[in-house]
Amino acid sequence: MKKKRLLTDRSGQLHEDLENELAKTLQEEIDAEIMQSMLRDCGWHEVVISRRHKPEKDIVEQWVKGNVKDGFWTHGPTWLFKNSKEANWFALRWL
């Protein structure tokens, strides 16, 4: 029985799929960094949830949607809030 190669098949499609997925991930990270920078420059307030303390994202999002009225943006562990009081409430609740 022959072992399959993990990185390519005969057509190279798997290798191409991996490259496309990595390119997509890299683009998302670049876009997120640009957005974070723009929002901070506009006066939004940043809160980063520690990797050690990582609550379920769905639970955090549900809390944010129910408690934040002025606007928020998130990517990974980073949350930005338009209102400083809401950012403080978020930090008190989730940090």
PDB file of N, CA and C in Angstrom:
ATOM      1  N   MET A   1       0.834  -1.182   0.000  1.00  0.00           N
ATOM      2  CA  MET A   1       0.000   0.000   0.000  1.00  0.00           C
ATOM      3  C   MET A   1       0.880   1.247   0.000  1.00  0.00           C
ATOM      4  N   LYS A   2       0.611   2.158  -0.933  1.00  0.00           N
ATOM      5  CA  LYS A   2       1.393   3.381  -1.041  1.00  0.00           C
ATOM      6  C   LYS A   2       0.903   4.427  -0.059  1.00  0.00           C
ATOM      7  N   LYS A   3       1.826   5.172   0.506  1.00  0.00           N
ATOM      8  CA  LYS A   3       1.464   6.295   1.370  1.00  0.00           C
ATOM      9  C   LYS A   3       1.233   7.524   0.499  1.00  0.00           C
ATOM     10  N   LYS A   4       0.208   8.285   0.828  1.00  0.00           N
ATOM     11  CA  LYS A   4      -0.069   9.512   0.092  1.00  0.00           C
ATOM     12  C   LYS A   4       0.827  10.627   0.600  1.00  0.00           C
ATOM     13  N   ARG A   5       1.255  11.470  -0.304  1.00  0.00           N
ATOM     14  CA  ARG A   5       2.020  12.644   0.100  1.00  0.00           C
ATOM     15  C   ARG A   5       1.051  13.665   0.676  1.00  0.00           C
ATOM     16  N   LEU A   6       1.440  14.312   1.740  1.00  0.00           N
ATOM     17  CA  LEU A   6       0.541  15.235   2.416  1.00  0.00           C
ATOM     18  C   LEU A   6       0.478  16.617   1.780  1.00  0.00           C
ATOM     19  N   LEU A   7       1.555  17.070   1.152  1.00  0.00           N
ATOM     20  CA  LEU A   7       1.568  18.448   0.669  1.00  0.00           C
ATOM     21  C   LEU A   7       1.103  18.600  -0.774  1.00  0.00           C
ATOM     22  N   THR A   8       1.207  17.565  -1.583  1.00  0.00           N
ATOM     23  CA  THR A   8       0.752  17.696  -2.964  1.00  0.00           C
ATOM     24  C   THR A   8       0.109  16.406  -3.417  1.00  0.00           C
ATOM     25  N   ASP A   9      -0.761  16.521  -4.382  1.00  0.00           N
ATOM     26  CA  ASP A   9      -1.237  15.349  -5.087  1.00  0.00           C
ATOM     27  C   ASP A   9      -0.695  15.470  -6.515  1.00  0.00           C
ATOM     28  N   ARG A  10      -1.096  14.621  -7.411  1.00  0.00           N
ATOM     29  CA  ARG A  10      -0.530  14.637  -8.767  1.00  0.00           C
ATOM     30  C   ARG A  10      -0.734  15.983  -9.464  1.00  0.00           C
ATOM     31  N   SER A  11      -1.838  16.625  -9.219  1.00  0.00           N
ATOM     32  CA  SER A  11      -2.119  17.893  -9.895  1.00  0.00           C
ATOM     33  C   SER A  11      -1.565  19.100  -9.133  1.00  0.00           C
ATOM     34  N   GLY A  12      -1.088  18.897  -7.928  1.00  0.00           N
ATOM     35  CA  GLY A  12      -0.615  20.015  -7.123  1.00  0.00           C
ATOM     36  C   GLY A  12      -1.742  20.804  -6.491  1.00  0.00           C
ATOM     37  N   GLN A  13      -2.973  20.308  -6.574  1.00  0.00           N
ATOM     38  CA  GLN A  13      -4.143  21.037  -6.080  1.00  0.00           C
ATOM     39  C   GLN A  13      -4.093  21.271  -4.575  1.00  0.00           C
ATOM     40  N   LEU A  14      -3.676  20.267  -3.818  1.00  0.00           N
ATOM     41  CA  LEU A  14      -3.624  20.429  -2.359  1.00  0.00           C
ATOM     42  C   LEU A  14      -2.644  21.524  -1.978  1.00  0.00           C
ATOM     43  N   HIS A  15      -1.494  21.563  -2.629  1.00  0.00           N
ATOM     44  CA  HIS A  15      -0.496  22.595  -2.365  1.00  0.00           C
ATOM     45  C   HIS A  15      -1.085  23.976  -2.688  1.00  0.00           C
ATOM     46  N   GLU A  16      -1.782  24.076  -3.803  1.00  0.00           N
ATOM     47  CA  GLU A  16      -2.407  25.340  -4.199  1.00  0.00           C
ATOM     48  C   GLU A  16      -3.491  25.745  -3.204  1.00  0.00           C
ATOM     49  N   ASP A  17      -4.276  24.792  -2.733  1.00  0.00           N
ATOM     50  CA  ASP A  17      -5.314  25.083  -1.742  1.00  0.00           C
ATOM     51  C   ASP A  17      -4.713  25.610  -0.447  1.00  0.00           C
ATOM     52  N   LEU A  18      -3.595  25.023  -0.011  1.00  0.00           N
ATOM     53  CA  LEU A  18      -2.922  25.495   1.204  1.00  0.00           C
ATOM     54  C   LEU A  18      -2.395  26.918   1.020  1.00  0.00           C
ATOM     55  N   GLU A  19      -1.802  27.179  -0.124  1.00  0.00           N
ATOM     56  CA  GLU A  19      -1.305  28.529  -0.402  1.00  0.00           C
ATOM     57  C   GLU A  19      -2.441  29.544  -0.378  1.00  0.00           C
ATOM     58  N   ASN A  20      -3.575  29.199  -0.989  1.00  0.00           N
ATOM     59  CA  ASN A  20      -4.719  30.107  -1.020  1.00  0.00           C
ATOM     60  C   ASN A  20      -5.265  30.360   0.383  1.00  0.00           C
ATOM     61  N   GLU A  21      -5.325  29.318   1.194  1.00  0.00           N
ATOM     62  CA  GLU A  21      -5.820  29.466   2.569  1.00  0.00           C
ATOM     63  C   GLU A  21      -4.879  30.346   3.395  1.00  0.00           C
ATOM     64  N   LEU A  22      -3.578  30.151   3.236  1.00  0.00           N
ATOM     65  CA  LEU A  22      -2.616  30.988   3.946  1.00  0.00           C
ATOM     66  C   LEU A  22      -2.688  32.440   3.487  1.00  0.00           C
ATOM     67  N   ALA A  23      -2.850  32.655   2.192  1.00  0.00           N
ATOM     68  CA  ALA A  23      -2.967  34.016   1.667  1.00  0.00           C
ATOM     69  C   ALA A  23      -4.218  34.694   2.220  1.00  0.00           C
ATOM     70  N   LYS A  24      -5.319  33.957   2.291  1.00  0.00           N
ATOM     71  CA  LYS A  24      -6.568  34.501   2.828  1.00  0.00           C
ATOM     72  C   LYS A  24      -6.410  34.876   4.302  1.00  0.00           C
ATOM     73  N   THR A  25      -5.781  34.003   5.071  1.00  0.00           N
ATOM     74  CA  THR A  25      -5.552  34.266   6.495  1.00  0.00           C
ATOM     75  C   THR A  25      -4.666  35.494   6.684  1.00  0.00           C
ATOM     76  N   LEU A  26      -3.610  35.586   5.899  1.00  0.00           N
ATOM     77  CA  LEU A  26      -2.709  36.737   5.983  1.00  0.00           C
ATOM     78  C   LEU A  26      -3.441  38.028   5.636  1.00  0.00           C
ATOM     79  N   GLN A  27      -4.267  38.003   4.605  1.00  0.00           N
ATOM     80  CA  GLN A  27      -5.029  39.197   4.219  1.00  0.00           C
ATOM     81  C   GLN A  27      -5.992  39.614   5.317  1.00  0.00           C
ATOM     82  N   GLU A  28      -6.655  38.650   5.960  1.00  0.00           N
ATOM     83  CA  GLU A  28      -7.565  38.969   7.058  1.00  0.00           C
ATOM     84  C   GLU A  28      -6.826  39.624   8.218  1.00  0.00           C
ATOM     85  N   GLU A  29      -5.628  39.140   8.522  1.00  0.00           N
ATOM     86  CA  GLU A  29      -4.832  39.724   9.607  1.00  0.00           C
ATOM     87  C   GLU A  29      -4.397  41.143   9.271  1.00  0.00           C
ATOM     88  N   ILE A  30      -3.984  41.368   8.033  1.00  0.00           N
ATOM     89  CA  ILE A  30      -3.579  42.712   7.608  1.00  0.00           C
ATOM     90  C   ILE A  30      -4.769  43.662   7.679  1.00  0.00           C
ATOM     91  N   ASP A  31      -5.924  43.225   7.170  1.00  0.00           N
ATOM     92  CA  ASP A  31      -7.135  44.049   7.225  1.00  0.00           C
ATOM     93  C   ASP A  31      -7.502  44.391   8.660  1.00  0.00           C
ATOM     94  N   ALA A  32      -7.391  43.414   9.561  1.00  0.00           N
ATOM     95  CA  ALA A  32      -7.726  43.646  10.968  1.00  0.00           C
ATOM     96  C   ALA A  32      -6.783  44.661  11.598  1.00  0.00           C
ATOM     97  N   GLU A  33      -5.488  44.571  11.294  1.00  0.00           N
ATOM     98  CA  GLU A  33      -4.525  45.537  11.842  1.00  0.00           C
ATOM     99  C   GLU A  33      -4.822  46.949  11.353  1.00  0.00           C
ATOM    100  N   ILE A  34      -5.185  47.077  10.086  1.00  0.00           N
ATOM    101  CA  ILE A  34      -5.518  48.394   9.535  1.00  0.00           C
ATOM    102  C   ILE A  34      -6.767  48.948  10.220  1.00  0.00           C
ATOM    103  N   MET A  35      -7.792  48.114  10.364  1.00  0.00           N
ATOM    104  CA  MET A  35      -9.031  48.553  11.000  1.00  0.00           C
ATOM    105  C   MET A  35      -8.790  48.953  12.456  1.00  0.00           C
ATOM    106  N   GLN A  36      -8.016  48.160  13.196  1.00  0.00           N
ATOM    107  CA  GLN A  36      -7.711  48.493  14.587  1.00  0.00           C
ATOM    108  C   GLN A  36      -7.016  49.843  14.668  1.00  0.00           C
ATOM    109  N   SER A  37      -6.055  50.067  13.809  1.00  0.00           N
ATOM    110  CA  SER A  37      -5.313  51.328  13.815  1.00  0.00           C
ATOM    111  C   SER A  37      -6.231  52.511  13.509  1.00  0.00           C
ATOM    112  N   MET A  38      -7.099  52.345  12.520  1.00  0.00           N
ATOM    113  CA  MET A  38      -8.027  53.422  12.158  1.00  0.00           C
ATOM    114  C   MET A  38      -8.978  53.741  13.304  1.00  0.00           C
ATOM    115  N   LEU A  39      -9.531  52.714  13.937  1.00  0.00           N
ATOM    116  CA  LEU A  39     -10.473  52.949  15.033  1.00  0.00           C
ATOM    117  C   LEU A  39      -9.783  53.604  16.230  1.00  0.00           C
ATOM    118  N   ARG A  40      -8.569  53.154  16.556  1.00  0.00           N
ATOM    119  CA  ARG A  40      -7.823  53.793  17.655  1.00  0.00           C
ATOM    120  C   ARG A  40      -7.554  55.265  17.330  1.00  0.00           C
ATOM    121  N   ASP A  41      -7.181  55.535  16.077  1.00  0.00           N
ATOM    122  CA  ASP A  41      -6.928  56.924  15.660  1.00  0.00           C
ATOM    123  C   ASP A  41      -8.189  57.786  15.758  1.00  0.00           C
ATOM    124  N   CYS A  42      -9.359  57.165  15.644  1.00  0.00           N
ATOM    125  CA  CYS A  42     -10.639  57.884  15.753  1.00  0.00           C
ATOM    126  C   CYS A  42     -11.115  58.004  17.198  1.00  0.00           C
ATOM    127  N   GLY A  43     -10.307  57.514  18.146  1.00  0.00           N
ATOM    128  CA  GLY A  43     -10.649  57.663  19.551  1.00  0.00           C
ATOM    129  C   GLY A  43     -11.341  56.468  20.189  1.00  0.00           C
ATOM    130  N   TRP A  44     -11.420  55.352  19.488  1.00  0.00           N
ATOM    131  CA  TRP A  44     -12.031  54.154  20.069  1.00  0.00           C
ATOM    132  C   TRP A  44     -11.083  53.583  21.127  1.00  0.00           C
ATOM    133  N   HIS A  45     -11.623  52.787  22.023  1.00  0.00           N
ATOM    134  CA  HIS A  45     -10.890  52.273  23.178  1.00  0.00           C
ATOM    135  C   HIS A  45     -10.688  50.761  23.030  1.00  0.00           C
ATOM    136  N   GLU A  46      -9.441  50.341  23.178  1.00  0.00           N
ATOM    137  CA  GLU A  46      -9.071  48.944  22.942  1.00  0.00           C
ATOM    138  C   GLU A  46      -8.984  48.152  24.245  1.00  0.00           C
ATOM    139  N   VAL A  47      -9.514  46.937  24.206  1.00  0.00           N
ATOM    140  CA  VAL A  47      -9.390  45.987  25.309  1.00  0.00           C
ATOM    141  C   VAL A  47      -8.967  44.661  24.678  1.00  0.00           C
ATOM    142  N   VAL A  48      -7.908  44.065  25.220  1.00  0.00           N
ATOM    143  CA  VAL A  48      -7.424  42.786  24.705  1.00  0.00           C
ATOM    144  C   VAL A  48      -7.606  41.735  25.789  1.00  0.00           C
ATOM    145  N   ILE A  49      -8.329  40.679  25.440  1.00  0.00           N
ATOM    146  CA  ILE A  49      -8.534  39.582  26.385  1.00  0.00           C
ATOM    147  C   ILE A  49      -7.282  38.718  26.388  1.00  0.00           C
ATOM    148  N   SER A  50      -6.750  38.470  27.563  1.00  0.00           N
ATOM    149  CA  SER A  50      -5.541  37.666  27.715  1.00  0.00           C
ATOM    150  C   SER A  50      -5.742  36.258  27.177  1.00  0.00           C
ATOM    151  N   ARG A  51      -4.706  35.699  26.601  1.00  0.00           N
ATOM    152  CA  ARG A  51      -4.772  34.319  26.107  1.00  0.00           C
ATOM    153  C   ARG A  51      -4.945  33.329  27.266  1.00  0.00           C
ATOM    154  N   ARG A  52      -4.478  33.704  28.442  1.00  0.00           N
ATOM    155  CA  ARG A  52      -4.649  32.822  29.608  1.00  0.00           C
ATOM    156  C   ARG A  52      -6.105  32.781  30.041  1.00  0.00           C
ATOM    157  N   HIS A  53      -6.764  33.928  29.953  1.00  0.00           N
ATOM    158  CA  HIS A  53      -8.179  34.019  30.343  1.00  0.00           C
ATOM    159  C   HIS A  53      -8.979  34.149  29.057  1.00  0.00           C
ATOM    160  N   LYS A  54      -9.424  33.043  28.507  1.00  0.00           N
ATOM    161  CA  LYS A  54     -10.077  33.043  27.210  1.00  0.00           C
ATOM    162  C   LYS A  54     -11.490  32.495  27.330  1.00  0.00           C
ATOM    163  N   PRO A  55     -12.464  33.359  27.633  1.00  0.00           N
ATOM    164  CA  PRO A  55     -13.853  32.892  27.710  1.00  0.00           C
ATOM    165  C   PRO A  55     -14.371  32.529  26.318  1.00  0.00           C
ATOM    166  N   GLU A  56     -15.462  31.800  26.281  1.00  0.00           N
ATOM    167  CA  GLU A  56     -16.071  31.428  25.002  1.00  0.00           C
ATOM    168  C   GLU A  56     -16.484  32.694  24.241  1.00  0.00           C
ATOM    169  N   LYS A  57     -16.039  32.802  23.001  1.00  0.00           N
ATOM    170  CA  LYS A  57     -16.314  33.996  22.212  1.00  0.00           C
ATOM    171  C   LYS A  57     -17.815  34.228  22.026  1.00  0.00           C
ATOM    172  N   ASP A  58     -18.589  33.167  21.879  1.00  0.00           N
ATOM    173  CA  ASP A  58     -20.038  33.325  21.706  1.00  0.00           C
ATOM    174  C   ASP A  58     -20.682  33.968  22.922  1.00  0.00           C
ATOM    175  N   ILE A  59     -20.224  33.592  24.103  1.00  0.00           N
ATOM    176  CA  ILE A  59     -20.773  34.153  25.343  1.00  0.00           C
ATOM    177  C   ILE A  59     -20.409  35.633  25.457  1.00  0.00           C
ATOM    178  N   VAL A  60     -19.174  35.962  25.114  1.00  0.00           N
ATOM    179  CA  VAL A  60     -18.728  37.358  25.165  1.00  0.00           C
ATOM    180  C   VAL A  60     -19.516  38.190  24.154  1.00  0.00           C
ATOM    181  N   GLU A  61     -19.661  37.676  22.934  1.00  0.00           N
ATOM    182  CA  GLU A  61     -20.402  38.416  21.911  1.00  0.00           C
ATOM    183  C   GLU A  61     -21.851  38.648  22.321  1.00  0.00           C
ATOM    184  N   GLN A  62     -22.470  37.658  22.935  1.00  0.00           N
ATOM    185  CA  GLN A  62     -23.856  37.805  23.403  1.00  0.00           C
ATOM    186  C   GLN A  62     -23.937  38.912  24.454  1.00  0.00           C
ATOM    187  N   TRP A  63     -22.978  38.930  25.387  1.00  0.00           N
ATOM    188  CA  TRP A  63     -22.951  39.962  26.419  1.00  0.00           C
ATOM    189  C   TRP A  63     -22.768  41.341  25.776  1.00  0.00           C
ATOM    190  N   VAL A  64     -21.835  41.437  24.828  1.00  0.00           N
ATOM    191  CA  VAL A  64     -21.558  42.718  24.173  1.00  0.00           C
ATOM    192  C   VAL A  64     -22.790  43.220  23.430  1.00  0.00           C
ATOM    193  N   LYS A  65     -23.435  42.348  22.679  1.00  0.00           N
ATOM    194  CA  LYS A  65     -24.622  42.761  21.913  1.00  0.00           C
ATOM    195  C   LYS A  65     -25.756  43.231  22.823  1.00  0.00           C
ATOM    196  N   GLY A  66     -25.836  42.682  24.026  1.00  0.00           N
ATOM    197  CA  GLY A  66     -26.870  43.089  24.965  1.00  0.00           C
ATOM    198  C   GLY A  66     -26.531  44.312  25.783  1.00  0.00           C
ATOM    199  N   ASN A  67     -25.242  44.665  25.879  1.00  0.00           N
ATOM    200  CA  ASN A  67     -24.828  45.738  26.778  1.00  0.00           C
ATOM    201  C   ASN A  67     -24.154  46.932  26.112  1.00  0.00           C
ATOM    202  N   VAL A  68     -23.688  46.776  24.902  1.00  0.00           N
ATOM    203  CA  VAL A  68     -22.971  47.862  24.221  1.00  0.00           C
ATOM    204  C   VAL A  68     -23.917  48.528  23.226  1.00  0.00           C
ATOM    205  N   LYS A  69     -24.081  49.819  23.373  1.00  0.00           N
ATOM    206  CA  LYS A  69     -25.017  50.564  22.524  1.00  0.00           C
ATOM    207  C   LYS A  69     -24.321  51.452  21.488  1.00  0.00           C
ATOM    208  N   ASP A  70     -23.115  51.939  21.789  1.00  0.00           N
ATOM    209  CA  ASP A  70     -22.458  52.934  20.937  1.00  0.00           C
ATOM    210  C   ASP A  70     -21.589  52.360  19.825  1.00  0.00           C
ATOM    211  N   GLY A  71     -21.304  51.103  19.817  1.00  0.00           N
ATOM    212  CA  GLY A  71     -20.504  50.516  18.750  1.00  0.00           C
ATOM    213  C   GLY A  71     -19.299  49.765  19.268  1.00  0.00           C
ATOM    214  N   PHE A  72     -19.011  48.657  18.607  1.00  0.00           N
ATOM    215  CA  PHE A  72     -17.833  47.860  18.947  1.00  0.00           C
ATOM    216  C   PHE A  72     -17.333  47.165  17.699  1.00  0.00           C
ATOM    217  N   TRP A  73     -16.102  46.704  17.766  1.00  0.00           N
ATOM    218  CA  TRP A  73     -15.474  45.935  16.691  1.00  0.00           C
ATOM    219  C   TRP A  73     -14.552  44.927  17.348  1.00  0.00           C
ATOM    220  N   THR A  74     -14.453  43.730  16.776  1.00  0.00           N
ATOM    221  CA  THR A  74     -13.593  42.708  17.364  1.00  0.00           C
ATOM    222  C   THR A  74     -12.878  41.896  16.291  1.00  0.00           C
ATOM    223  N   HIS A  75     -11.706  41.443  16.660  1.00  0.00           N
ATOM    224  CA  HIS A  75     -10.946  40.491  15.854  1.00  0.00           C
ATOM    225  C   HIS A  75     -10.056  39.722  16.822  1.00  0.00           C
ATOM    226  N   GLY A  76     -10.278  38.413  16.889  1.00  0.00           N
ATOM    227  CA  GLY A  76      -9.493  37.595  17.823  1.00  0.00           C
ATOM    228  C   GLY A  76      -9.721  38.056  19.245  1.00  0.00           C
ATOM    229  N   PRO A  77      -8.627  38.223  20.003  1.00  0.00           N
ATOM    230  CA  PRO A  77      -8.778  38.641  21.407  1.00  0.00           C
ATOM    231  C   PRO A  77      -8.926  40.155  21.588  1.00  0.00           C
ATOM    232  N   THR A  78      -8.890  40.906  20.488  1.00  0.00           N
ATOM    233  CA  THR A  78      -8.934  42.367  20.543  1.00  0.00           C
ATOM    234  C   THR A  78     -10.353  42.874  20.337  1.00  0.00           C
ATOM    235  N   TRP A  79     -10.773  43.747  21.235  1.00  0.00           N
ATOM    236  CA  TRP A  79     -12.085  44.385  21.164  1.00  0.00           C
ATOM    237  C   TRP A  79     -11.873  45.885  21.210  1.00  0.00           C
ATOM    238  N   LEU A  80     -12.583  46.619  20.362  1.00  0.00           N
ATOM    239  CA  LEU A  80     -12.540  48.076  20.385  1.00  0.00           C
ATOM    240  C   LEU A  80     -13.956  48.611  20.575  1.00  0.00           C
ATOM    241  N   PHE A  81     -14.067  49.652  21.408  1.00  0.00           N
ATOM    242  CA  PHE A  81     -15.359  50.235  21.752  1.00  0.00           C
ATOM    243  C   PHE A  81     -15.325  51.730  21.492  1.00  0.00           C
ATOM    244  N   LYS A  82     -16.419  52.239  20.955  1.00  0.00           N
ATOM    245  CA  LYS A  82     -16.531  53.670  20.692  1.00  0.00           C
ATOM    246  C   LYS A  82     -16.628  54.450  21.996  1.00  0.00           C
ATOM    247  N   ASN A  83     -17.308  53.886  22.983  1.00  0.00           N
ATOM    248  CA  ASN A  83     -17.572  54.557  24.241  1.00  0.00           C
ATOM    249  C   ASN A  83     -16.606  54.036  25.316  1.00  0.00           C
ATOM    250  N   SER A  84     -15.921  54.931  25.998  1.00  0.00           N
ATOM    251  CA  SER A  84     -14.937  54.513  27.005  1.00  0.00           C
ATOM    252  C   SER A  84     -15.594  53.811  28.196  1.00  0.00           C
ATOM    253  N   LYS A  85     -16.791  54.250  28.584  1.00  0.00           N
ATOM    254  CA  LYS A  85     -17.475  53.591  29.704  1.00  0.00           C
ATOM    255  C   LYS A  85     -17.814  52.151  29.351  1.00  0.00           C
ATOM    256  N   GLU A  86     -18.266  51.911  28.108  1.00  0.00           N
ATOM    257  CA  GLU A  86     -18.569  50.542  27.693  1.00  0.00           C
ATOM    258  C   GLU A  86     -17.305  49.693  27.620  1.00  0.00           C
ATOM    259  N   ALA A  87     -16.198  50.292  27.205  1.00  0.00           N
ATOM    260  CA  ALA A  87     -14.925  49.567  27.200  1.00  0.00           C
ATOM    261  C   ALA A  87     -14.524  49.193  28.627  1.00  0.00           C
ATOM    262  N   ASN A  88     -14.738  50.108  29.563  1.00  0.00           N
ATOM    263  CA  ASN A  88     -14.415  49.822  30.961  1.00  0.00           C
ATOM    264  C   ASN A  88     -15.309  48.720  31.534  1.00  0.00           C
ATOM    265  N   TRP A  89     -16.605  48.780  31.225  1.00  0.00           N
ATOM    266  CA  TRP A  89     -17.514  47.726  31.692  1.00  0.00           C
ATOM    267  C   TRP A  89     -17.100  46.374  31.111  1.00  0.00           C
ATOM    268  N   PHE A  90     -16.735  46.358  29.844  1.00  0.00           N
ATOM    269  CA  PHE A  90     -16.279  45.136  29.198  1.00  0.00           C
ATOM    270  C   PHE A  90     -15.037  44.589  29.910  1.00  0.00           C
ATOM    271  N   ALA A  91     -14.080  45.482  30.153  1.00  0.00           N
ATOM    272  CA  ALA A  91     -12.842  45.055  30.813  1.00  0.00           C
ATOM    273  C   ALA A  91     -13.114  44.521  32.214  1.00  0.00           C
ATOM    274  N   LEU A  92     -13.993  45.186  32.971  1.00  0.00           N
ATOM    275  CA  LEU A  92     -14.332  44.708  34.306  1.00  0.00           C
ATOM    276  C   LEU A  92     -14.999  43.337  34.261  1.00  0.00           C
ATOM    277  N   ARG A  93     -15.815  43.119  33.256  1.00  0.00           N
ATOM    278  CA  ARG A  93     -16.560  41.849  33.158  1.00  0.00           C
ATOM    279  C   ARG A  93     -15.699  40.691  32.653  1.00  0.00           C
ATOM    280  N   TRP A  94     -14.828  40.942  31.682  1.00  0.00           N
ATOM    281  CA  TRP A  94     -14.171  39.834  30.985  1.00  0.00           C
ATOM    282  C   TRP A  94     -12.673  39.712  31.228  1.00  0.00           C
ATOM    283  N   LEU A  95     -12.072  40.631  31.965  1.00  0.00           N
ATOM    284  CA  LEU A  95     -10.628  40.487  32.244  1.00  0.00           C
ATOM    285  C   LEU A  95     -10.381  39.954  33.628  1.00  0.00           C
TER     286      LEU A  95
END
